[in-house]
Amino acid sequence: MENKVLDVKGKSLGRAASEASVLLRGKNLPSFEPRIRPKHTITVKNLKAMEIHPTKFRTKVYTNYSGYPGGLKEIGLRELWAKNPKEVFKRAVWGMLPKNRSRKEIIKNLKFE
């Protein structure tokens, strides 16, 4: 089991999340196989120093629907970043992972300092 540290200071949200998703899947390794779940963890540091474009900060909205009438909840990037910056980064990486059963297992290997 390998532990890598990803420093996101000065990087944009999308580029840092893309780099993290590649490392989480193990696509940087010569032994990469899509069907194999990697066993290494990625630790993200300097998350507060990450760059987010002001327009995205203003306009990005995350939605969650409970399935019930009137159950649509929306939260803006600005509010979620103020509440929990780790969740913003985790959601960005989550969207870049493959949409299959292994996604839940892979995202567990994402850690924060």
Protein backbone atom coordinates (compact mmCIF):
# COMPACT_ATOMS: atom_id res chain seq x y z
CA MET A 1 0.00 0.00 0.00
CA GLU A 2 1.44 3.27 -1.13
CA ASN A 3 0.68 6.74 0.21
CA LYS A 4 1.16 9.75 -2.08
CA VAL A 5 0.91 13.40 -1.11
CA LEU A 6 -0.74 15.84 -3.51
CA ASP A 7 -0.03 19.52 -2.94
CA VAL A 8 -2.85 21.60 -4.46
CA LYS A 9 -1.51 25.05 -3.53
CA GLY A 10 -2.06 27.46 -6.43
CA LYS A 11 -3.84 24.87 -8.63
CA SER A 12 -7.36 25.25 -9.93
CA LEU A 13 -10.10 23.01 -8.56
CA GLY A 14 -10.60 21.03 -11.77
CA ARG A 15 -6.94 20.43 -12.50
CA ALA A 16 -6.19 19.35 -8.94
CA ALA A 17 -9.22 17.04 -8.88
CA SER A 18 -8.22 15.56 -12.23
CA GLU A 19 -4.73 14.84 -10.97
CA ALA A 20 -6.13 13.26 -7.81
CA SER A 21 -8.51 11.03 -9.77
CA VAL A 22 -5.67 9.79 -11.99
CA LEU A 23 -3.55 8.98 -8.94
CA LEU A 24 -6.47 7.30 -7.14
CA ARG A 25 -7.15 5.01 -10.09
CA GLY A 26 -3.45 4.21 -10.51
CA LYS A 27 -3.35 5.34 -14.13
CA ASN A 28 0.13 6.76 -13.56
CA LEU A 29 1.51 3.28 -12.85
CA PRO A 30 2.84 0.95 -15.56
CA SER A 31 0.84 -1.91 -14.01
CA PHE A 32 -2.53 -0.13 -14.54
CA GLU A 33 -5.53 -2.31 -15.32
CA PRO A 34 -9.03 -0.80 -15.35
CA ARG A 35 -10.58 -3.82 -13.62
CA ILE A 36 -8.15 -3.76 -10.67
CA ARG A 37 -8.88 -1.46 -7.71
CA PRO A 38 -5.67 0.21 -6.53
CA LYS A 39 -4.64 -0.12 -2.90
CA HIS A 40 -2.79 3.16 -2.40
CA THR A 41 -4.04 6.35 -0.71
CA ILE A 42 -3.75 9.98 -1.75
CA THR A 43 -3.31 12.68 0.89
CA VAL A 44 -4.26 16.20 -0.20
CA LYS A 45 -2.55 19.14 1.51
CA ASN A 46 -2.85 22.95 1.30
CA LEU A 47 -6.51 22.70 0.31
CA LYS A 48 -7.29 26.21 1.61
CA ALA A 49 -4.66 27.68 -0.76
CA MET A 50 -6.29 26.20 -3.86
CA GLU A 51 -7.41 28.63 -6.57
CA ILE A 52 -11.09 28.80 -7.55
CA HIS A 53 -12.19 31.16 -10.30
CA PRO A 54 -14.47 33.93 -8.95
CA THR A 55 -17.19 33.22 -11.52
CA LYS A 56 -17.35 29.54 -10.58
CA PHE A 57 -17.31 30.52 -6.91
CA ARG A 58 -20.41 32.66 -7.54
CA THR A 59 -22.39 30.49 -9.94
CA LYS A 60 -21.66 26.80 -9.19
CA VAL A 61 -24.57 25.09 -7.44
CA TYR A 62 -24.65 21.56 -6.02
CA THR A 63 -28.07 19.87 -5.95
CA ASN A 64 -29.35 16.92 -3.98
CA TYR A 65 -32.79 15.36 -4.46
CA SER A 66 -34.30 13.18 -1.75
CA GLY A 67 -36.95 11.69 -4.04
CA TYR A 68 -39.85 13.33 -2.22
CA PRO A 69 -41.94 16.27 -3.48
CA GLY A 70 -40.19 19.48 -2.48
CA GLY A 71 -37.07 17.50 -1.59
CA LEU A 72 -34.64 19.33 -3.89
CA LYS A 73 -31.84 20.93 -1.88
CA GLU A 74 -29.37 23.33 -3.41
CA ILE A 75 -26.17 24.72 -1.95
CA GLY A 76 -23.79 27.10 -3.67
CA LEU A 77 -20.05 26.57 -3.96
CA ARG A 78 -19.42 29.62 -1.77
CA GLU A 79 -21.51 28.25 1.14
CA LEU A 80 -20.14 24.71 0.84
CA TRP A 81 -16.54 26.00 0.67
CA ALA A 82 -17.10 28.08 3.81
CA LYS A 83 -18.65 25.08 5.58
CA ASN A 84 -16.34 22.28 4.37
CA PRO A 85 -13.67 22.73 1.64
CA LYS A 86 -12.87 19.00 1.79
CA GLU A 87 -16.38 18.19 0.57
CA VAL A 88 -15.97 20.51 -2.45
CA PHE A 89 -12.78 18.73 -3.49
CA LYS A 90 -14.26 15.30 -2.79
CA ARG A 91 -17.30 16.04 -4.99
CA ALA A 92 -15.05 17.23 -7.82
CA VAL A 93 -12.99 14.02 -7.67
CA TRP A 94 -16.16 11.90 -7.31
CA GLY A 95 -17.44 13.20 -10.65
CA MET A 96 -14.18 12.25 -12.39
CA LEU A 97 -14.09 8.64 -11.22
CA PRO A 98 -15.70 5.84 -13.27
CA LYS A 99 -19.43 5.49 -12.75
CA ASN A 100 -19.46 1.90 -11.51
CA ARG A 101 -19.29 -0.14 -8.30
CA SER A 102 -15.64 0.61 -7.68
CA ARG A 103 -16.21 4.36 -7.36
CA LYS A 104 -17.34 4.09 -3.70
CA GLU A 105 -14.29 2.02 -2.83
CA ILE A 106 -11.82 4.25 -4.69
CA ILE A 107 -13.03 7.50 -3.07
CA LYS A 108 -12.33 6.03 0.39
CA ASN A 109 -8.61 6.27 -0.46
CA LEU A 110 -8.78 10.07 -0.63
CA LYS A 111 -7.49 11.63 2.62
CA PHE A 112 -6.90 15.23 3.73
CA GLU A 113 -4.33 16.93 5.96
